[in-house]
């Protein structure tokens, strides 16, 4: 499997929200989870140090993509796209009461805090979420990883990355 692009500044990452599913062939998928509730189903893909989350409720689909620069994505169904620059909150409501909300901020860490966060999240992921590490891309004893925590509630899906 091809190694992910990791030498990317956080502010270069792109956030995209689509009102449609995206084809898996667009991405290098390192791990995935499929969730089902009585109200919706969801697919979570770890795509390197980035992710794709699709939620299906009846005939409606919302797909959140956090991608590295240069990732080829369609324009059809695109609701929103922006780069990670400073804290941001975004909300939208679609037909039939389907709502989407995201809130993110970028945090810079010292090497020691990064290592401790890596250890803590890897341990936490044994019971919940998806943790993918990339030891072959380690730089200065700092190992890249992606962690996606999810909580599937009856009518809501909470994602933390």
N, C-alpha and C. Protein backbone atom coordinates (compact mmCIF):
# COMPACT_ATOMS: atom_id res chain seq x y z
N UNK A 1 0.85 -1.18 0.00
CA UNK A 1 0.00 0.00 0.00
C UNK A 1 0.89 1.24 0.00
N UNK A 2 0.50 2.21 -0.76
CA UNK A 2 1.24 3.47 -0.87
C UNK A 2 1.20 4.23 0.45
N UNK A 3 2.32 4.87 0.80
CA UNK A 3 2.36 5.66 2.03
C UNK A 3 1.64 6.98 1.83
N UNK A 4 1.01 7.49 2.90
CA UNK A 4 0.27 8.76 2.77
C UNK A 4 1.21 9.95 2.72
N UNK A 5 0.67 11.05 2.23
CA UNK A 5 1.39 12.33 2.23
C UNK A 5 1.23 12.92 3.62
N UNK A 6 2.35 13.04 4.36
CA UNK A 6 2.24 13.55 5.73
C UNK A 6 2.99 14.84 5.96
N UNK A 7 3.88 15.20 5.06
CA UNK A 7 4.66 16.41 5.25
C UNK A 7 3.85 17.61 4.77
N UNK A 8 2.73 17.83 5.46
CA UNK A 8 1.78 18.87 5.07
C UNK A 8 1.49 19.73 6.29
N UNK A 9 1.58 21.03 6.14
CA UNK A 9 1.20 21.93 7.23
C UNK A 9 -0.31 21.85 7.42
N UNK A 10 -0.74 21.89 8.65
CA UNK A 10 -2.18 21.79 8.96
C UNK A 10 -2.99 22.79 8.15
N UNK A 11 -2.47 24.01 8.02
CA UNK A 11 -3.24 25.03 7.30
C UNK A 11 -3.37 24.75 5.80
N UNK A 12 -2.66 23.74 5.30
CA UNK A 12 -2.81 23.33 3.90
C UNK A 12 -3.90 22.29 3.71
N UNK A 13 -4.33 21.65 4.80
CA UNK A 13 -5.39 20.65 4.68
C UNK A 13 -6.69 21.30 4.25
N UNK A 14 -7.48 20.56 3.50
CA UNK A 14 -8.76 21.06 3.00
C UNK A 14 -9.91 20.33 3.69
N UNK A 15 -10.93 21.09 4.05
CA UNK A 15 -12.18 20.54 4.55
C UNK A 15 -13.20 20.66 3.42
N UNK A 16 -13.90 19.58 3.12
CA UNK A 16 -14.95 19.61 2.09
C UNK A 16 -16.17 18.89 2.64
N UNK A 17 -17.34 19.41 2.31
CA UNK A 17 -18.60 18.78 2.69
C UNK A 17 -19.42 18.58 1.42
N UNK A 18 -19.83 17.34 1.20
CA UNK A 18 -20.60 16.99 0.01
C UNK A 18 -21.97 16.48 0.40
N UNK A 19 -22.94 16.71 -0.46
CA UNK A 19 -24.26 16.12 -0.28
C UNK A 19 -24.37 14.96 -1.28
N UNK A 20 -23.51 13.99 -1.09
CA UNK A 20 -23.46 12.79 -1.92
C UNK A 20 -22.36 11.88 -1.39
N UNK A 21 -22.41 10.60 -1.70
CA UNK A 21 -21.29 9.73 -1.34
C UNK A 21 -20.14 9.93 -2.33
N UNK A 22 -18.94 9.60 -1.91
CA UNK A 22 -17.77 9.66 -2.78
C UNK A 22 -17.25 8.24 -2.99
N UNK A 23 -16.72 7.99 -4.15
CA UNK A 23 -16.26 6.66 -4.51
C UNK A 23 -14.97 6.32 -3.79
N UNK A 24 -14.85 5.11 -3.24
CA UNK A 24 -13.63 4.74 -2.51
C UNK A 24 -12.37 4.75 -3.36
N UNK A 25 -12.52 4.62 -4.68
CA UNK A 25 -11.34 4.62 -5.54
C UNK A 25 -10.64 5.98 -5.58
N UNK A 26 -11.29 7.02 -5.06
CA UNK A 26 -10.65 8.33 -4.98
C UNK A 26 -9.59 8.40 -3.88
N UNK A 27 -9.60 7.42 -2.96
CA UNK A 27 -8.80 7.51 -1.75
C UNK A 27 -7.96 6.26 -1.52
N UNK A 28 -6.88 6.44 -0.80
CA UNK A 28 -6.09 5.33 -0.27
C UNK A 28 -6.65 5.09 1.13
N UNK A 29 -7.36 4.01 1.34
CA UNK A 29 -8.05 3.75 2.62
C UNK A 29 -7.20 2.79 3.45
N UNK A 30 -6.79 3.25 4.63
CA UNK A 30 -5.94 2.46 5.52
C UNK A 30 -6.74 1.72 6.58
N UNK A 31 -7.92 2.21 6.90
CA UNK A 31 -8.81 1.54 7.86
C UNK A 31 -10.22 2.06 7.60
N UNK A 32 -11.22 1.25 7.95
CA UNK A 32 -12.60 1.71 7.78
C UNK A 32 -13.49 1.08 8.84
N UNK A 33 -14.59 1.76 9.09
CA UNK A 33 -15.62 1.27 10.01
C UNK A 33 -16.98 1.54 9.38
N UNK A 34 -17.90 0.65 9.64
CA UNK A 34 -19.27 0.79 9.16
C UNK A 34 -20.18 0.77 10.39
N UNK A 35 -21.01 1.80 10.54
CA UNK A 35 -21.91 1.91 11.69
C UNK A 35 -23.35 1.90 11.21
N UNK A 36 -24.21 1.22 11.95
CA UNK A 36 -25.64 1.20 11.64
C UNK A 36 -26.44 1.55 12.88
N UNK A 37 -27.38 2.47 12.73
CA UNK A 37 -28.37 2.73 13.77
C UNK A 37 -29.73 2.61 13.11
N UNK A 38 -30.79 2.76 13.87
CA UNK A 38 -32.12 2.65 13.24
C UNK A 38 -32.43 3.86 12.36
N UNK A 39 -31.73 4.98 12.55
CA UNK A 39 -32.00 6.21 11.78
C UNK A 39 -31.02 6.47 10.64
N UNK A 40 -29.82 5.94 10.72
CA UNK A 40 -28.81 6.22 9.69
C UNK A 40 -27.75 5.13 9.69
N UNK A 41 -26.94 5.14 8.64
CA UNK A 41 -25.72 4.34 8.63
C UNK A 41 -24.57 5.25 8.25
N UNK A 42 -23.38 4.86 8.64
CA UNK A 42 -22.21 5.69 8.40
C UNK A 42 -21.02 4.84 8.02
N UNK A 43 -20.17 5.41 7.17
CA UNK A 43 -18.92 4.78 6.79
C UNK A 43 -17.80 5.76 7.13
N UNK A 44 -16.79 5.27 7.84
CA UNK A 44 -15.64 6.09 8.24
C UNK A 44 -14.40 5.47 7.61
N UNK A 45 -13.66 6.29 6.85
CA UNK A 45 -12.41 5.84 6.24
C UNK A 45 -11.27 6.68 6.78
N UNK A 46 -10.20 6.03 7.22
CA UNK A 46 -8.95 6.71 7.51
C UNK A 46 -8.15 6.69 6.22
N UNK A 47 -7.83 7.87 5.71
CA UNK A 47 -7.17 8.01 4.41
C UNK A 47 -5.81 8.66 4.60
N UNK A 48 -4.93 7.99 5.30
CA UNK A 48 -3.64 8.56 5.68
C UNK A 48 -3.84 9.34 6.96
N UNK A 49 -3.27 10.52 7.04
CA UNK A 49 -3.47 11.36 8.23
C UNK A 49 -4.70 12.24 8.03
N UNK A 50 -5.62 11.80 7.21
CA UNK A 50 -6.87 12.50 6.90
C UNK A 50 -8.01 11.49 6.97
N UNK A 51 -9.24 11.95 6.70
CA UNK A 51 -10.37 11.03 6.82
C UNK A 51 -11.53 11.41 5.89
N UNK A 52 -12.43 10.44 5.72
CA UNK A 52 -13.69 10.63 5.00
C UNK A 52 -14.77 10.00 5.87
N UNK A 53 -15.86 10.74 6.11
CA UNK A 53 -17.00 10.21 6.87
C UNK A 53 -18.26 10.47 6.04
N UNK A 54 -18.98 9.40 5.73
CA UNK A 54 -20.25 9.52 5.00
C UNK A 54 -21.37 9.03 5.89
N UNK A 55 -22.46 9.80 5.91
CA UNK A 55 -23.65 9.44 6.69
C UNK A 55 -24.82 9.35 5.73
N UNK A 56 -25.54 8.23 5.79
CA UNK A 56 -26.69 7.97 4.92
C UNK A 56 -27.94 7.88 5.78
N UNK A 57 -28.94 8.69 5.46
CA UNK A 57 -30.25 8.65 6.14
C UNK A 57 -31.31 8.65 5.05
N UNK A 58 -31.91 7.50 4.81
CA UNK A 58 -32.84 7.39 3.70
C UNK A 58 -32.11 7.63 2.40
N UNK A 59 -32.62 8.56 1.59
CA UNK A 59 -31.96 8.85 0.31
C UNK A 59 -31.02 10.06 0.39
N UNK A 60 -30.73 10.53 1.60
CA UNK A 60 -29.82 11.66 1.80
C UNK A 60 -28.46 11.14 2.24
N UNK A 61 -27.42 11.75 1.71
CA UNK A 61 -26.05 11.42 2.12
C UNK A 61 -25.26 12.71 2.32
N UNK A 62 -24.54 12.78 3.42
CA UNK A 62 -23.58 13.86 3.67
C UNK A 62 -22.21 13.21 3.81
N UNK A 63 -21.20 13.80 3.18
CA UNK A 63 -19.85 13.28 3.27
C UNK A 63 -18.89 14.40 3.65
N UNK A 64 -18.18 14.19 4.76
CA UNK A 64 -17.14 15.11 5.22
C UNK A 64 -15.79 14.54 4.79
N UNK A 65 -14.97 15.40 4.20
CA UNK A 65 -13.63 14.98 3.76
C UNK A 65 -12.61 15.98 4.31
N UNK A 66 -11.60 15.47 4.98
CA UNK A 66 -10.43 16.26 5.31
C UNK A 66 -9.31 15.66 4.46
N UNK A 67 -8.74 16.48 3.57
CA UNK A 67 -7.80 15.95 2.59
C UNK A 67 -6.53 16.79 2.49
N UNK A 68 -5.49 16.14 2.02
CA UNK A 68 -4.21 16.80 1.77
C UNK A 68 -4.31 17.59 0.47
N UNK A 69 -3.44 18.58 0.27
CA UNK A 69 -3.45 19.33 -0.98
C UNK A 69 -3.24 18.38 -2.17
N UNK A 70 -3.90 18.68 -3.25
CA UNK A 70 -3.75 17.87 -4.45
C UNK A 70 -4.69 16.69 -4.54
N UNK A 71 -5.44 16.41 -3.47
CA UNK A 71 -6.41 15.31 -3.52
C UNK A 71 -7.49 15.64 -4.54
N UNK A 72 -7.67 14.78 -5.51
CA UNK A 72 -8.69 15.00 -6.54
C UNK A 72 -10.06 14.70 -5.94
N UNK A 73 -10.93 15.70 -5.96
CA UNK A 73 -12.29 15.56 -5.46
C UNK A 73 -13.25 16.13 -6.50
N UNK A 74 -14.45 15.57 -6.57
CA UNK A 74 -15.42 16.09 -7.54
C UNK A 74 -15.98 17.43 -7.10
N UNK A 75 -16.61 18.13 -8.02
CA UNK A 75 -17.30 19.37 -7.66
C UNK A 75 -18.81 19.12 -7.51
N UNK A 76 -19.30 18.05 -8.12
CA UNK A 76 -20.73 17.74 -8.02
C UNK A 76 -21.09 17.40 -6.57
N UNK A 77 -22.11 18.05 -6.06
CA UNK A 77 -22.57 17.81 -4.71
C UNK A 77 -21.80 18.55 -3.63
N UNK A 78 -20.83 19.37 -4.02
CA UNK A 78 -20.02 20.10 -3.04
C UNK A 78 -20.85 21.21 -2.40
N UNK A 79 -20.94 21.17 -1.06
CA UNK A 79 -21.66 22.20 -0.32
C UNK A 79 -20.72 23.27 0.22
N UNK A 80 -19.53 22.86 0.64
CA UNK A 80 -18.60 23.78 1.30
C UNK A 80 -17.19 23.25 1.15
N UNK A 81 -16.22 24.17 1.00
CA UNK A 81 -14.81 23.78 0.98
C UNK A 81 -13.99 24.94 1.52
N UNK A 82 -13.08 24.65 2.44
CA UNK A 82 -12.18 25.68 2.94
C UNK A 82 -10.94 25.03 3.54
N UNK A 83 -9.89 25.84 3.72
CA UNK A 83 -8.66 25.37 4.33
C UNK A 83 -8.73 25.56 5.84
N UNK A 84 -7.92 24.79 6.55
CA UNK A 84 -7.82 24.89 8.00
C UNK A 84 -6.94 26.09 8.34
N UNK A 85 -7.55 27.20 8.60
CA UNK A 85 -6.80 28.40 8.99
C UNK A 85 -7.50 29.01 10.19
N UNK A 86 -6.99 28.72 11.37
CA UNK A 86 -7.59 29.24 12.59
C UNK A 86 -8.84 28.47 12.97
N UNK A 87 -9.40 28.79 14.13
CA UNK A 87 -10.62 28.12 14.59
C UNK A 87 -11.78 28.40 13.64
N UNK A 88 -12.67 27.44 13.53
CA UNK A 88 -13.80 27.63 12.61
C UNK A 88 -14.98 26.79 13.07
N UNK A 89 -16.16 27.35 12.92
CA UNK A 89 -17.42 26.63 13.17
C UNK A 89 -18.24 26.74 11.90
N UNK A 90 -18.83 25.63 11.50
CA UNK A 90 -19.67 25.62 10.30
C UNK A 90 -20.91 24.80 10.60
N UNK A 91 -22.07 25.32 10.19
CA UNK A 91 -23.34 24.62 10.37
C UNK A 91 -24.14 24.72 9.09
N UNK A 92 -24.90 23.67 8.80
CA UNK A 92 -25.86 23.75 7.71
C UNK A 92 -27.00 22.79 8.00
N UNK A 93 -28.18 23.14 7.53
CA UNK A 93 -29.35 22.29 7.67
C UNK A 93 -29.86 21.96 6.28
N UNK A 94 -30.06 20.68 6.05
CA UNK A 94 -30.56 20.21 4.77
C UNK A 94 -32.05 19.89 4.91
N UNK A 95 -32.63 19.45 3.83
CA UNK A 95 -34.05 19.11 3.86
C UNK A 95 -34.31 17.97 4.85
N UNK A 96 -35.53 17.88 5.27
CA UNK A 96 -35.99 16.83 6.19
C UNK A 96 -35.28 16.84 7.54
N UNK A 97 -34.84 18.02 7.97
CA UNK A 97 -34.29 18.16 9.31
C UNK A 97 -32.90 17.59 9.51
N UNK A 98 -32.21 17.26 8.46
CA UNK A 98 -30.83 16.76 8.58
C UNK A 98 -29.92 17.97 8.80
N UNK A 99 -29.17 17.94 9.89
CA UNK A 99 -28.26 19.04 10.21
C UNK A 99 -26.83 18.53 10.28
N UNK A 100 -25.89 19.42 9.98
CA UNK A 100 -24.48 19.11 10.07
C UNK A 100 -23.80 20.26 10.79
N UNK A 101 -22.88 19.92 11.68
CA UNK A 101 -22.14 20.95 12.39
C UNK A 101 -20.70 20.47 12.57
N UNK A 102 -19.76 21.36 12.34
CA UNK A 102 -18.37 21.05 12.63
C UNK A 102 -17.75 22.23 13.37
N UNK A 103 -16.81 21.93 14.20
CA UNK A 103 -16.11 22.94 14.97
C UNK A 103 -14.68 22.44 15.11
N UNK A 104 -13.71 23.21 14.65
CA UNK A 104 -12.35 22.74 14.79
C UNK A 104 -11.39 23.88 15.08
N UNK A 105 -10.27 23.46 15.65
CA UNK A 105 -9.17 24.37 15.93
C UNK A 105 -7.88 23.58 15.78
N UNK A 106 -6.82 24.26 15.51
CA UNK A 106 -5.51 23.64 15.33
C UNK A 106 -4.69 23.90 16.59
N UNK A 107 -4.07 22.86 17.09
CA UNK A 107 -3.26 22.99 18.30
C UNK A 107 -1.83 22.57 17.99
N UNK A 108 -0.88 23.44 18.29
CA UNK A 108 0.54 23.09 18.11
C UNK A 108 1.02 22.45 19.41
N UNK A 109 1.81 21.38 19.27
CA UNK A 109 2.28 20.62 20.43
C UNK A 109 3.80 20.55 20.44
N UNK A 110 4.34 20.49 21.62
CA UNK A 110 5.76 20.21 21.76
C UNK A 110 5.97 18.73 21.42
N UNK A 111 7.20 18.33 21.08
CA UNK A 111 7.45 16.91 20.81
C UNK A 111 7.03 15.99 21.96
N UNK A 112 7.28 16.41 23.20
CA UNK A 112 6.89 15.57 24.35
C UNK A 112 5.38 15.43 24.46
N UNK A 113 4.65 16.52 24.27
CA UNK A 113 3.19 16.46 24.33
C UNK A 113 2.64 15.61 23.18
N UNK A 114 3.25 15.72 22.00
CA UNK A 114 2.83 14.91 20.85
C UNK A 114 3.00 13.42 21.16
N UNK A 115 4.17 13.05 21.69
CA UNK A 115 4.43 11.64 22.03
C UNK A 115 3.43 11.14 23.07
N UNK A 116 3.14 11.97 24.08
CA UNK A 116 2.20 11.55 25.11
C UNK A 116 0.79 11.43 24.53
N UNK A 117 0.40 12.36 23.67
CA UNK A 117 -0.92 12.28 23.02
C UNK A 117 -1.02 11.03 22.16
N UNK A 118 0.04 10.71 21.44
CA UNK A 118 0.09 9.50 20.61
C UNK A 118 -0.16 8.27 21.48
N UNK A 119 0.57 8.18 22.59
CA UNK A 119 0.43 7.04 23.51
C UNK A 119 -0.97 6.97 24.09
N UNK A 120 -1.50 8.10 24.55
CA UNK A 120 -2.83 8.13 25.16
C UNK A 120 -3.92 7.75 24.17
N UNK A 121 -3.86 8.31 22.96
CA UNK A 121 -4.89 8.02 21.96
C UNK A 121 -4.81 6.59 21.47
N UNK A 122 -3.61 6.06 21.32
CA UNK A 122 -3.47 4.66 20.91
C UNK A 122 -4.08 3.73 21.96
N UNK A 123 -3.85 4.03 23.22
CA UNK A 123 -4.42 3.24 24.31
C UNK A 123 -5.95 3.38 24.33
N UNK A 124 -6.45 4.59 24.18
CA UNK A 124 -7.89 4.84 24.18
C UNK A 124 -8.57 4.11 23.02
N UNK A 125 -7.89 4.04 21.88
CA UNK A 125 -8.46 3.42 20.67
C UNK A 125 -8.61 1.91 20.80
N UNK A 126 -8.00 1.30 21.78
CA UNK A 126 -8.19 -0.14 21.98
C UNK A 126 -9.65 -0.46 22.29
N UNK A 127 -10.34 0.52 22.88
CA UNK A 127 -11.74 0.33 23.25
C UNK A 127 -12.72 1.12 22.40
N UNK A 128 -12.22 2.12 21.68
CA UNK A 128 -13.14 3.00 20.96
C UNK A 128 -12.40 3.76 19.86
N UNK A 129 -13.01 3.83 18.70
CA UNK A 129 -12.44 4.62 17.61
C UNK A 129 -11.53 3.80 16.71
N UNK A 130 -10.84 4.51 15.84
CA UNK A 130 -9.91 3.91 14.88
C UNK A 130 -8.58 4.65 15.00
N UNK A 131 -7.50 3.91 15.17
CA UNK A 131 -6.17 4.49 15.30
C UNK A 131 -5.27 3.82 14.26
N UNK A 132 -4.66 4.62 13.39
CA UNK A 132 -3.74 4.10 12.38
C UNK A 132 -2.43 4.87 12.52
N UNK A 133 -1.34 4.13 12.69
CA UNK A 133 -0.04 4.78 12.80
C UNK A 133 0.81 4.43 11.58
N UNK A 134 1.77 5.30 11.32
CA UNK A 134 2.64 5.17 10.15
C UNK A 134 4.10 5.20 10.60
N UNK A 135 4.60 4.10 11.21
CA UNK A 135 5.96 4.09 11.76
C UNK A 135 7.04 4.31 10.70
N UNK A 136 6.78 3.89 9.47
CA UNK A 136 7.78 4.04 8.41
C UNK A 136 7.98 5.50 8.01
N UNK A 137 7.11 6.39 8.48
CA UNK A 137 7.23 7.82 8.16
C UNK A 137 7.69 8.65 9.36
N UNK A 138 8.18 7.96 10.38
CA UNK A 138 8.64 8.63 11.60
C UNK A 138 9.75 9.63 11.29
N UNK A 139 9.64 10.80 11.91
CA UNK A 139 10.65 11.85 11.76
C UNK A 139 11.05 12.31 13.16
N UNK A 140 12.33 12.16 13.48
CA UNK A 140 12.80 12.61 14.79
C UNK A 140 12.07 11.96 15.95
N UNK A 141 11.79 10.69 15.85
CA UNK A 141 11.08 9.90 16.87
C UNK A 141 9.63 10.34 17.06
N UNK A 142 9.08 11.09 16.11
CA UNK A 142 7.66 11.45 16.13
C UNK A 142 6.98 10.66 15.01
N UNK A 143 6.05 9.81 15.41
CA UNK A 143 5.38 8.91 14.48
C UNK A 143 4.03 9.48 14.05
N UNK A 144 3.83 9.70 12.75
CA UNK A 144 2.52 10.19 12.29
C UNK A 144 1.42 9.16 12.58
N UNK A 145 0.23 9.67 12.84
CA UNK A 145 -0.92 8.79 13.09
C UNK A 145 -2.20 9.52 12.75
N UNK A 146 -3.26 8.75 12.63
CA UNK A 146 -4.60 9.32 12.50
C UNK A 146 -5.49 8.61 13.51
N UNK A 147 -6.25 9.38 14.25
CA UNK A 147 -7.20 8.82 15.21
C UNK A 147 -8.56 9.42 14.93
N UNK A 148 -9.54 8.56 14.75
CA UNK A 148 -10.93 8.99 14.56
C UNK A 148 -11.76 8.32 15.65
N UNK A 149 -12.29 9.13 16.53
CA UNK A 149 -13.19 8.65 17.58
C UNK A 149 -14.61 8.92 17.12
N UNK A 150 -15.50 7.99 17.37
CA UNK A 150 -16.88 8.18 16.95
C UNK A 150 -17.83 7.68 18.03
N UNK A 151 -18.95 8.35 18.11
CA UNK A 151 -20.02 7.94 19.01
C UNK A 151 -21.32 7.95 18.22
N UNK A 152 -21.83 6.77 17.94
CA UNK A 152 -23.07 6.63 17.17
C UNK A 152 -24.25 6.67 18.13
N UNK A 153 -24.94 7.78 18.15
CA UNK A 153 -26.16 7.91 18.94
C UNK A 153 -27.35 7.61 18.03
N UNK A 154 -28.52 7.52 18.61
CA UNK A 154 -29.71 7.14 17.83
C UNK A 154 -29.94 8.05 16.63
N UNK A 155 -29.88 9.37 16.83
CA UNK A 155 -30.15 10.31 15.73
C UNK A 155 -28.96 11.23 15.44
N UNK A 156 -27.82 10.95 16.03
CA UNK A 156 -26.64 11.80 15.85
C UNK A 156 -25.39 10.94 15.72
N UNK A 157 -24.43 11.45 14.99
CA UNK A 157 -23.11 10.83 14.92
C UNK A 157 -22.10 11.89 15.34
N UNK A 158 -21.34 11.60 16.38
CA UNK A 158 -20.31 12.51 16.86
C UNK A 158 -18.95 11.95 16.45
N UNK A 159 -18.15 12.78 15.79
CA UNK A 159 -16.82 12.39 15.32
C UNK A 159 -15.81 13.35 15.93
N UNK A 160 -14.72 12.79 16.45
CA UNK A 160 -13.60 13.60 16.96
C UNK A 160 -12.34 13.05 16.32
N UNK A 161 -11.54 13.96 15.72
CA UNK A 161 -10.30 13.50 15.09
C UNK A 161 -9.13 14.33 15.60
